[in-house]
Amino acid sequence: MPAKPKKKVEVEVGDLFVTESAVTVKLLPSKKSGSRPIRWFAGGEVSNIHLAAKDIAYLVGKVQGRTRVVRALTVMTDRGAGFDLAKTGLPKAIEKAGFEILR
């Protein structure tokens, strides 16, 4: 019996956008996206790093599927581009979820 040909795995970059009520991921270049309601980002800070990492990993895994691999994320919040991400706790949550941060 001949072996099945393996699907080609594509490496993509994800855009992660966090607001106080939802987290959204959009993959590039495939333009796949998904969103999930959250309660761990209040006052511009992550209140539960473990839960944030779990939600981020789940959402990226759901959007990427089997033929795409996401290793790095660009991160933005509803506070704007000039907001200091280090103060939010998002870099720790993203690292714990298994991704790198692109600036």
C-alpha atoms as a PDB file:
ATOM      1  CA  MET A   1       0.000   0.000   0.000  1.00  0.00           C
ATOM      2  CA  PRO A   2       1.566   3.344  -1.020  1.00  0.00           C
ATOM      3  CA  ALA A   3       2.194   5.982   1.618  1.00  0.00           C
ATOM      4  CA  LYS A   4       0.000   9.071   1.632  1.00  0.00           C
ATOM      5  CA  PRO A   5       1.747  12.232   0.529  1.00  0.00           C
ATOM      6  CA  LYS A   6       2.295  14.609   3.449  1.00  0.00           C
ATOM      7  CA  LYS A   7       0.720  18.018   3.332  1.00  0.00           C
ATOM      8  CA  LYS A   8       3.104  20.926   3.080  1.00  0.00           C
ATOM      9  CA  VAL A   9       3.292  22.871   6.344  1.00  0.00           C
ATOM     10  CA  GLU A  10       3.226  26.641   5.978  1.00  0.00           C
ATOM     11  CA  VAL A  11       4.851  28.950   8.536  1.00  0.00           C
ATOM     12  CA  GLU A  12       2.714  31.983   9.287  1.00  0.00           C
ATOM     13  CA  VAL A  13       2.833  35.036  11.512  1.00  0.00           C
ATOM     14  CA  GLY A  14      -0.110  35.840  13.749  1.00  0.00           C
ATOM     15  CA  ASP A  15      -1.448  39.243  14.729  1.00  0.00           C
ATOM     16  CA  LEU A  16      -2.774  39.160  18.296  1.00  0.00           C
ATOM     17  CA  PHE A  17      -5.145  41.944  19.339  1.00  0.00           C
ATOM     18  CA  VAL A  18      -6.281  42.138  22.966  1.00  0.00           C
ATOM     19  CA  THR A  19      -9.113  44.207  24.410  1.00  0.00           C
ATOM     20  CA  GLU A  20     -10.702  44.030  27.850  1.00  0.00           C
ATOM     21  CA  SER A  21     -13.409  41.680  26.578  1.00  0.00           C
ATOM     22  CA  ALA A  22     -11.855  39.656  23.714  1.00  0.00           C
ATOM     23  CA  VAL A  23      -8.674  38.338  22.144  1.00  0.00           C
ATOM     24  CA  THR A  24      -8.422  38.113  18.355  1.00  0.00           C
ATOM     25  CA  VAL A  25      -5.840  36.342  16.180  1.00  0.00           C
ATOM     26  CA  LYS A  26      -5.354  36.909  12.458  1.00  0.00           C
ATOM     27  CA  LEU A  27      -2.854  34.821  10.503  1.00  0.00           C
ATOM     28  CA  LEU A  28      -0.818  36.184   7.615  1.00  0.00           C
ATOM     29  CA  PRO A  29      -0.618  35.422   4.679  1.00  0.00           C
ATOM     30  CA  SER A  30      -3.637  33.064   4.874  1.00  0.00           C
ATOM     31  CA  LYS A  31      -5.921  35.697   6.457  1.00  0.00           C
ATOM     32  CA  LYS A  32      -7.541  33.124   8.745  1.00  0.00           C
ATOM     33  CA  SER A  33      -8.839  34.702  11.951  1.00  0.00           C
ATOM     34  CA  GLY A  34     -10.630  33.895  15.159  1.00  0.00           C
ATOM     35  CA  SER A  35     -11.773  35.543  18.348  1.00  0.00           C
ATOM     36  CA  ARG A  36     -12.504  34.472  21.903  1.00  0.00           C
ATOM     37  CA  PRO A  37     -14.160  36.310  24.819  1.00  0.00           C
ATOM     38  CA  ILE A  38     -11.880  36.840  27.837  1.00  0.00           C
ATOM     39  CA  ARG A  39     -11.969  38.130  31.410  1.00  0.00           C
ATOM     40  CA  TRP A  40      -8.259  38.160  32.252  1.00  0.00           C
ATOM     41  CA  PHE A  41      -7.320  41.566  30.748  1.00  0.00           C
ATOM     42  CA  ALA A  42      -8.646  44.370  32.929  1.00  0.00           C
ATOM     43  CA  GLY A  43      -7.259  47.848  33.473  1.00  0.00           C
ATOM     44  CA  GLY A  44      -4.606  47.254  30.811  1.00  0.00           C
ATOM     45  CA  GLU A  45      -3.020  44.323  32.688  1.00  0.00           C
ATOM     46  CA  VAL A  46      -3.201  40.544  32.595  1.00  0.00           C
ATOM     47  CA  SER A  47      -4.784  39.368  35.839  1.00  0.00           C
ATOM     48  CA  ASN A  48      -4.160  35.630  35.305  1.00  0.00           C
ATOM     49  CA  ILE A  49      -1.111  34.717  33.198  1.00  0.00           C
ATOM     50  CA  HIS A  50      -1.887  30.990  33.172  1.00  0.00           C
ATOM     51  CA  LEU A  51      -5.432  31.506  31.876  1.00  0.00           C
ATOM     52  CA  ALA A  52      -4.210  34.080  29.323  1.00  0.00           C
ATOM     53  CA  ALA A  53      -1.562  31.656  27.992  1.00  0.00           C
ATOM     54  CA  LYS A  54      -4.148  28.883  27.778  1.00  0.00           C
ATOM     55  CA  ASP A  55      -6.633  31.049  25.851  1.00  0.00           C
ATOM     56  CA  ILE A  56      -3.960  32.354  23.461  1.00  0.00           C
ATOM     57  CA  ALA A  57      -2.596  28.862  22.738  1.00  0.00           C
ATOM     58  CA  TYR A  58      -6.117  27.482  22.217  1.00  0.00           C
ATOM     59  CA  LEU A  59      -7.134  30.260  19.836  1.00  0.00           C
ATOM     60  CA  VAL A  60      -3.942  30.094  17.760  1.00  0.00           C
ATOM     61  CA  GLY A  61      -4.176  26.304  17.604  1.00  0.00           C
ATOM     62  CA  LYS A  62      -7.773  26.458  16.443  1.00  0.00           C
ATOM     63  CA  VAL A  63      -7.038  29.033  13.728  1.00  0.00           C
ATOM     64  CA  GLN A  64      -3.791  27.513  12.443  1.00  0.00           C
ATOM     65  CA  GLY A  65      -5.204  24.050  11.820  1.00  0.00           C
ATOM     66  CA  ARG A  66      -3.010  21.173  10.661  1.00  0.00           C
ATOM     67  CA  THR A  67      -1.257  22.698   7.666  1.00  0.00           C
ATOM     68  CA  ARG A  68      -0.029  25.939   9.258  1.00  0.00           C
ATOM     69  CA  VAL A  69       2.491  26.627  11.993  1.00  0.00           C
ATOM     70  CA  VAL A  70       2.571  29.867  13.974  1.00  0.00           C
ATOM     71  CA  ARG A  71       5.757  30.558  15.914  1.00  0.00           C
ATOM     72  CA  ALA A  72       5.617  34.323  16.376  1.00  0.00           C
ATOM     73  CA  LEU A  73       2.936  36.892  17.123  1.00  0.00           C
ATOM     74  CA  THR A  74       2.743  40.637  16.711  1.00  0.00           C
ATOM     75  CA  VAL A  75       0.867  42.040  19.686  1.00  0.00           C
ATOM     76  CA  MET A  76      -1.405  45.052  20.005  1.00  0.00           C
ATOM     77  CA  THR A  77      -3.905  46.206  22.598  1.00  0.00           C
ATOM     78  CA  ASP A  78      -6.825  48.580  22.486  1.00  0.00           C
ATOM     79  CA  ARG A  79      -4.575  51.102  24.266  1.00  0.00           C
ATOM     80  CA  GLY A  80      -2.717  51.898  21.015  1.00  0.00           C
ATOM     81  CA  ALA A  81       0.652  51.228  19.424  1.00  0.00           C
ATOM     82  CA  GLY A  82       2.611  53.425  21.834  1.00  0.00           C
ATOM     83  CA  PHE A  83       1.461  51.512  24.916  1.00  0.00           C
ATOM     84  CA  ASP A  84       4.239  49.665  26.796  1.00  0.00           C
ATOM     85  CA  LEU A  85       3.493  45.937  26.506  1.00  0.00           C
ATOM     86  CA  ALA A  86       5.948  44.973  29.252  1.00  0.00           C
ATOM     87  CA  LYS A  87       3.677  46.587  31.858  1.00  0.00           C
ATOM     88  CA  THR A  88       0.655  44.572  30.718  1.00  0.00           C
ATOM     89  CA  GLY A  89       2.023  41.086  31.386  1.00  0.00           C
ATOM     90  CA  LEU A  90       1.178  39.975  27.842  1.00  0.00           C
ATOM     91  CA  PRO A  91       4.786  39.071  26.934  1.00  0.00           C
ATOM     92  CA  LYS A  92       4.908  36.568  29.819  1.00  0.00           C
ATOM     93  CA  ALA A  93       1.575  35.033  28.826  1.00  0.00           C
ATOM     94  CA  ILE A  94       2.613  34.755  25.172  1.00  0.00           C
ATOM     95  CA  GLU A  95       5.943  33.163  26.101  1.00  0.00           C
ATOM     96  CA  LYS A  96       4.148  30.716  28.391  1.00  0.00           C
ATOM     97  CA  ALA A  97       1.795  29.861  25.503  1.00  0.00           C
ATOM     98  CA  GLY A  98       4.854  28.898  23.428  1.00  0.00           C
ATOM     99  CA  PHE A  99       5.193  31.818  21.014  1.00  0.00           C
ATOM    100  CA  GLU A 100       7.682  34.590  20.337  1.00  0.00           C
ATOM    101  CA  ILE A 101       6.759  38.266  20.145  1.00  0.00           C
ATOM    102  CA  LEU A 102       7.565  40.267  17.016  1.00  0.00           C
ATOM    103  CA  ARG A 103       7.646  44.031  17.381  1.00  0.00           C
END
